[in-house]
Amino acid sequence: PDRFLHLPPGLEHAGTADYPRGLRFTWLHFLAPARVLRALPASGALARPAIAHDLARRLLDEQDRDDAPPGACDLLMHLLLLECAHARPAAETDPRGLAEQARVFIATRHREPISARDVAEHCGCHPDHLGRLFRARFGRSLSQAIQAERLATARGLLRDGHDGIGAVARASGFAEAHYFRRLFRRACGCTPGDWRRARTRMHVNAR
């Protein structure tokens, strides 16, 4: 999660294992100026994953529009590549893979009332030690990762469902709808309702 891989044209490639259940990723083919490609690492961890994910979503949305402004897709792709170009440096040594264990636990259990202490208990280590490893690996705290997972789930529910804001908050792991609204506005720049209205497409049945 929150990582990218850049493959040059014509390079034969394949997966190393079956995809885990629930895995989702965006695959893009693109052309870019040489100066941009020179700055793009072969792989890395996104420094601002939420921004990169939103850019990718907007890019795919613009590609589906018949009235997309000229150059909109090129601009979004360029911004997305710039996010990749500013990848974080390699994380400090974590021989037991505690940071990855924590990430998986958060990804699968974030809808439950878990805290950073619960994650550390699951990994069998002190919260402070795990927090340092996790921040070095993913560039955020355990609490921020839990919030980010819950917000990502909430955005999916808002986009694809019709439940009220309170129900979406609870289904995403937030105990209070008021706190969810405040956190969502801080992270996304708008209310959950405004976000839904901006991204919900109209489906018309025709005979």
Foldseek 3Di string as FASTA:
>chain_A
DQKDADDDPPDDDDDPDDDDPPDDDDDDDDDDDPVLVVLADRMAGFLDSVVLVVLSVVLVVLVPDPPRPPPPNVVSVSVNSVRRSPGDDAFDDDPVCLLVQLLVCLLVCLLAQDDLCNSCVVSVHDSVVNQNRNCRHHVDGSRVSSVVSLLVQLLVCLQPHDDDQQVSCNRSNHPDSVVVQVVNCVVPVDGSVVSSVVRHDDDDDDD
